[in-house]
């Protein structure tokens, strides 16, 4: 099989794995459940991957990289808090609809310390933290609050909350939780954008 069809086949398996994880959870995601959702025979999986552990590790990288590219494209020119929250609201809805968040949460919960899956999840989480740092640095540039906020710490907190919000929604069944959070963020964003931007002093 040439590289093109082989890559397409692998991506088909990984997309089915995302759906299986979000629908059946980690414990219910088997070769059969992945194959049933993907519309192929279970044996196809083992033509491309050594075992399910390798499927899960590849799925972690695949879904994270796909979504990160989408976020980077959507947020590339955002320098104000209000449009940032509006776009994040849309992107989060896409994450929930596609099964990305549920799949990632299942993989995080299943990752044993020291395992390849744990290493993959840690690496992908770090990439999201770096993206959050870039966005926060852009927003805080020239703002009085910029001197008070530790950007790496705030970025880690933002990523943790972003993922954890869906976990809490799943636990208590309160589907209004994300909308309430974004509503609060929108009000804070409007106040933040009204803060004056400090001008840099020109050396004499």
Protein backbone atom coordinates (compact mmCIF):
# COMPACT_ATOMS: atom_id res chain seq x y z
CA UNK A 1 0.00 0.00 0.00
CA UNK A 2 1.46 3.38 -1.05
CA UNK A 3 1.93 6.13 1.51
CA UNK A 4 -1.16 8.13 0.48
CA UNK A 5 -3.76 5.37 0.93
CA UNK A 6 -1.90 4.08 3.99
CA UNK A 7 -2.05 7.49 5.68
CA UNK A 8 -5.73 7.80 4.77
CA UNK A 9 -6.43 4.36 6.25
CA UNK A 10 -4.61 5.22 9.48
CA UNK A 11 -6.55 8.47 9.80
CA UNK A 12 -9.81 6.60 9.27
CA UNK A 13 -8.91 4.31 12.17
CA UNK A 14 -7.93 7.23 14.39
CA UNK A 15 -11.14 9.13 13.65
CA UNK A 16 -13.11 6.00 14.54
CA UNK A 17 -11.09 5.64 17.74
CA UNK A 18 -12.03 9.19 18.75
CA UNK A 19 -15.70 8.38 18.22
CA UNK A 20 -15.36 5.13 20.17
CA UNK A 21 -13.65 6.82 23.11
CA UNK A 22 -16.23 9.59 23.27
CA UNK A 23 -19.16 7.17 22.88
CA UNK A 24 -18.05 4.10 24.84
CA UNK A 25 -15.28 5.38 27.10
CA UNK A 26 -11.80 3.92 27.35
CA UNK A 27 -12.96 0.60 28.81
CA UNK A 28 -15.49 0.10 26.03
CA UNK A 29 -13.16 1.05 23.20
CA UNK A 30 -12.07 -2.22 21.61
CA UNK A 31 -10.94 -3.20 18.15
CA UNK A 32 -14.50 -4.27 17.43
CA UNK A 33 -16.09 -1.01 18.62
CA UNK A 34 -13.58 1.07 16.64
CA UNK A 35 -14.13 -1.03 13.53
CA UNK A 36 -17.91 -0.87 13.86
CA UNK A 37 -17.86 2.93 14.00
CA UNK A 38 -15.30 3.18 11.21
CA UNK A 39 -17.00 0.72 8.88
CA UNK A 40 -14.07 -1.68 8.45
CA UNK A 41 -13.00 -5.09 9.72
CA UNK A 42 -11.21 -5.23 13.12
CA UNK A 43 -8.21 -6.86 11.47
CA UNK A 44 -7.53 -3.67 9.52
CA UNK A 45 -6.45 -2.01 12.76
CA UNK A 46 -3.64 -4.49 13.30
CA UNK A 47 -2.36 -3.98 9.79
CA UNK A 48 -1.52 -0.39 10.75
CA UNK A 49 -0.93 -0.62 14.51
CA UNK A 50 0.79 -3.21 16.71
CA UNK A 51 -1.93 -3.13 19.37
CA UNK A 52 -4.62 -0.94 20.93
CA UNK A 53 -2.08 0.84 23.12
CA UNK A 54 -0.41 2.11 19.97
CA UNK A 55 -3.81 3.14 18.61
CA UNK A 56 -4.52 5.15 21.74
CA UNK A 57 -1.13 6.85 21.69
CA UNK A 58 -1.54 7.76 18.01
CA UNK A 59 -5.11 8.95 18.66
CA UNK A 60 -3.89 11.30 21.39
CA UNK A 61 -1.43 12.93 19.00
CA UNK A 62 -3.82 12.96 16.05
CA UNK A 63 -6.82 14.61 17.70
CA UNK A 64 -4.69 17.10 19.62
CA UNK A 65 -2.67 18.18 16.58
CA UNK A 66 -5.80 18.49 14.42
CA UNK A 67 -7.54 20.69 16.95
CA UNK A 68 -4.44 22.74 17.78
CA UNK A 69 -4.05 23.63 14.10
CA UNK A 70 -7.70 24.73 14.04
CA UNK A 71 -7.21 26.87 17.15
CA UNK A 72 -4.02 28.47 15.86
CA UNK A 73 -5.70 29.39 12.58
CA UNK A 74 -8.82 30.77 14.26
CA UNK A 75 -6.95 32.77 16.91
CA UNK A 76 -3.91 33.92 14.93
CA UNK A 77 -4.99 37.57 14.65
CA UNK A 78 -6.86 37.94 17.96
CA UNK A 79 -5.51 40.75 20.15
CA UNK A 80 -8.64 41.62 22.16
CA UNK A 81 -10.36 39.62 24.89
CA UNK A 82 -13.96 39.93 23.62
CA UNK A 83 -13.37 38.38 20.17
CA UNK A 84 -11.11 35.79 21.83
CA UNK A 85 -13.94 34.56 24.06
CA UNK A 86 -16.38 34.55 21.14
CA UNK A 87 -14.05 32.38 19.10
CA UNK A 88 -13.22 30.10 22.02
CA UNK A 89 -16.94 29.54 22.58
CA UNK A 90 -17.32 28.40 18.97
CA UNK A 91 -14.19 26.23 19.09
CA UNK A 92 -15.27 24.60 22.34
CA UNK A 93 -18.63 23.71 20.80
CA UNK A 94 -16.76 22.09 17.92
CA UNK A 95 -14.60 20.15 20.39
CA UNK A 96 -17.65 18.83 22.21
CA UNK A 97 -19.54 18.00 19.01
CA UNK A 98 -16.60 16.15 17.43
CA UNK A 99 -15.90 14.09 20.55
CA UNK A 100 -12.41 15.58 20.93
CA UNK A 101 -12.81 16.64 24.57
CA UNK A 102 -14.43 13.39 25.69
CA UNK A 103 -11.76 11.35 23.92
CA UNK A 104 -8.93 13.35 25.47
CA UNK A 105 -10.43 13.03 28.94
CA UNK A 106 -10.75 9.26 28.55
CA UNK A 107 -7.12 9.02 27.44
CA UNK A 108 -5.91 11.19 30.32
CA UNK A 109 -7.80 9.05 32.82
CA UNK A 110 -6.39 5.85 31.31
CA UNK A 111 -2.78 7.02 31.06
CA UNK A 112 -0.64 5.16 33.60
CA UNK A 113 2.38 7.07 34.92
CA UNK A 114 5.45 6.11 32.91
CA UNK A 115 3.46 4.64 30.03
CA UNK A 116 3.80 5.73 26.37
CA UNK A 117 0.24 7.05 26.54
CA UNK A 118 1.08 9.22 29.56
CA UNK A 119 4.12 10.59 27.73
CA UNK A 120 2.01 11.34 24.66
CA UNK A 121 -0.67 13.10 26.69
CA UNK A 122 1.94 15.14 28.57
CA UNK A 123 3.58 16.22 25.31
CA UNK A 124 0.28 17.27 23.74
CA UNK A 125 -0.83 19.10 26.88
CA UNK A 126 2.43 21.04 26.84
CA UNK A 127 1.73 22.16 23.28
CA UNK A 128 -1.66 23.52 24.38
CA UNK A 129 -0.03 25.33 27.28
CA UNK A 130 2.43 26.97 24.88
CA UNK A 131 -0.44 28.09 22.65
CA UNK A 132 -2.24 29.53 25.68
CA UNK A 133 0.95 31.36 26.67
CA UNK A 134 1.18 32.94 23.21
CA UNK A 135 -2.42 34.15 23.35
CA UNK A 136 -2.18 35.46 26.92
CA UNK A 137 1.07 37.27 26.15
CA UNK A 138 -0.64 38.96 23.21
CA UNK A 139 -3.63 40.05 25.30
CA UNK A 140 -1.57 41.33 28.22
CA UNK A 141 0.97 43.26 26.17
CA UNK A 142 0.88 46.85 27.34
CA UNK A 143 -1.85 46.24 29.95
CA UNK A 144 -1.31 47.13 33.62
CA UNK A 145 -2.27 43.56 34.58
CA UNK A 146 0.60 42.28 32.47
CA UNK A 147 2.98 43.04 35.32
CA UNK A 148 0.97 40.96 37.78
CA UNK A 149 0.17 37.83 35.77
CA UNK A 150 2.60 34.93 35.56
CA UNK A 151 1.77 33.87 32.02
CA UNK A 152 2.97 30.21 32.13
CA UNK A 153 1.04 29.60 35.36
CA UNK A 154 -2.10 31.25 33.99
CA UNK A 155 -1.78 29.26 30.76
CA UNK A 156 -1.59 25.95 32.64
CA UNK A 157 -4.64 26.93 34.69
CA UNK A 158 -6.59 27.86 31.55
CA UNK A 159 -5.83 24.53 29.84
CA UNK A 160 -6.70 22.57 32.99
CA UNK A 161 -10.02 24.40 33.37
CA UNK A 162 -10.84 24.09 29.68
CA UNK A 163 -10.52 20.30 29.85
CA UNK A 164 -11.97 19.95 33.33
CA UNK A 165 -15.13 21.89 32.51
CA UNK A 166 -16.42 19.03 30.36
CA UNK A 167 -15.52 16.51 33.07
CA UNK A 168 -17.67 18.35 35.60
CA UNK A 169 -20.46 18.64 33.05
CA UNK A 170 -20.31 14.88 32.54
CA UNK A 171 -20.36 14.19 36.29
CA UNK A 172 -23.28 16.38 37.31
CA UNK A 173 -25.17 16.39 34.01
CA UNK A 174 -25.36 20.19 34.01
CA UNK A 175 -25.09 20.99 30.31
CA UNK A 176 -25.39 24.71 31.05
CA UNK A 177 -22.01 24.79 32.80
CA UNK A 178 -19.87 25.62 29.70
CA UNK A 179 -22.29 28.34 28.52
CA UNK A 180 -22.34 29.89 31.99
CA UNK A 181 -18.54 29.89 32.07
CA UNK A 182 -18.26 31.53 28.66
CA UNK A 183 -20.92 34.07 29.63
CA UNK A 184 -18.90 35.07 32.68
CA UNK A 185 -15.72 35.17 30.61
CA UNK A 186 -17.41 37.43 28.06
CA UNK A 187 -18.37 39.94 30.78
CA UNK A 188 -14.84 39.96 32.16
CA UNK A 189 -13.42 40.27 28.65
CA UNK A 190 -15.50 43.39 27.98
CA UNK A 191 -14.11 44.99 31.14
CA UNK A 192 -10.57 43.89 30.32
CA UNK A 193 -10.65 45.44 26.85
CA UNK A 194 -11.56 48.81 28.40
CA UNK A 195 -8.34 48.87 30.43
CA UNK A 196 -5.90 51.45 29.07
CA UNK A 197 -2.83 50.32 27.22
CA UNK A 198 0.37 51.66 28.69
CA UNK A 199 2.58 53.56 26.32
CA UNK A 200 6.24 52.73 26.27
CA UNK A 201 8.43 55.60 27.28
CA UNK A 202 10.75 56.81 24.58
CA UNK A 203 14.35 57.01 25.86
CA UNK A 204 15.64 60.57 25.90
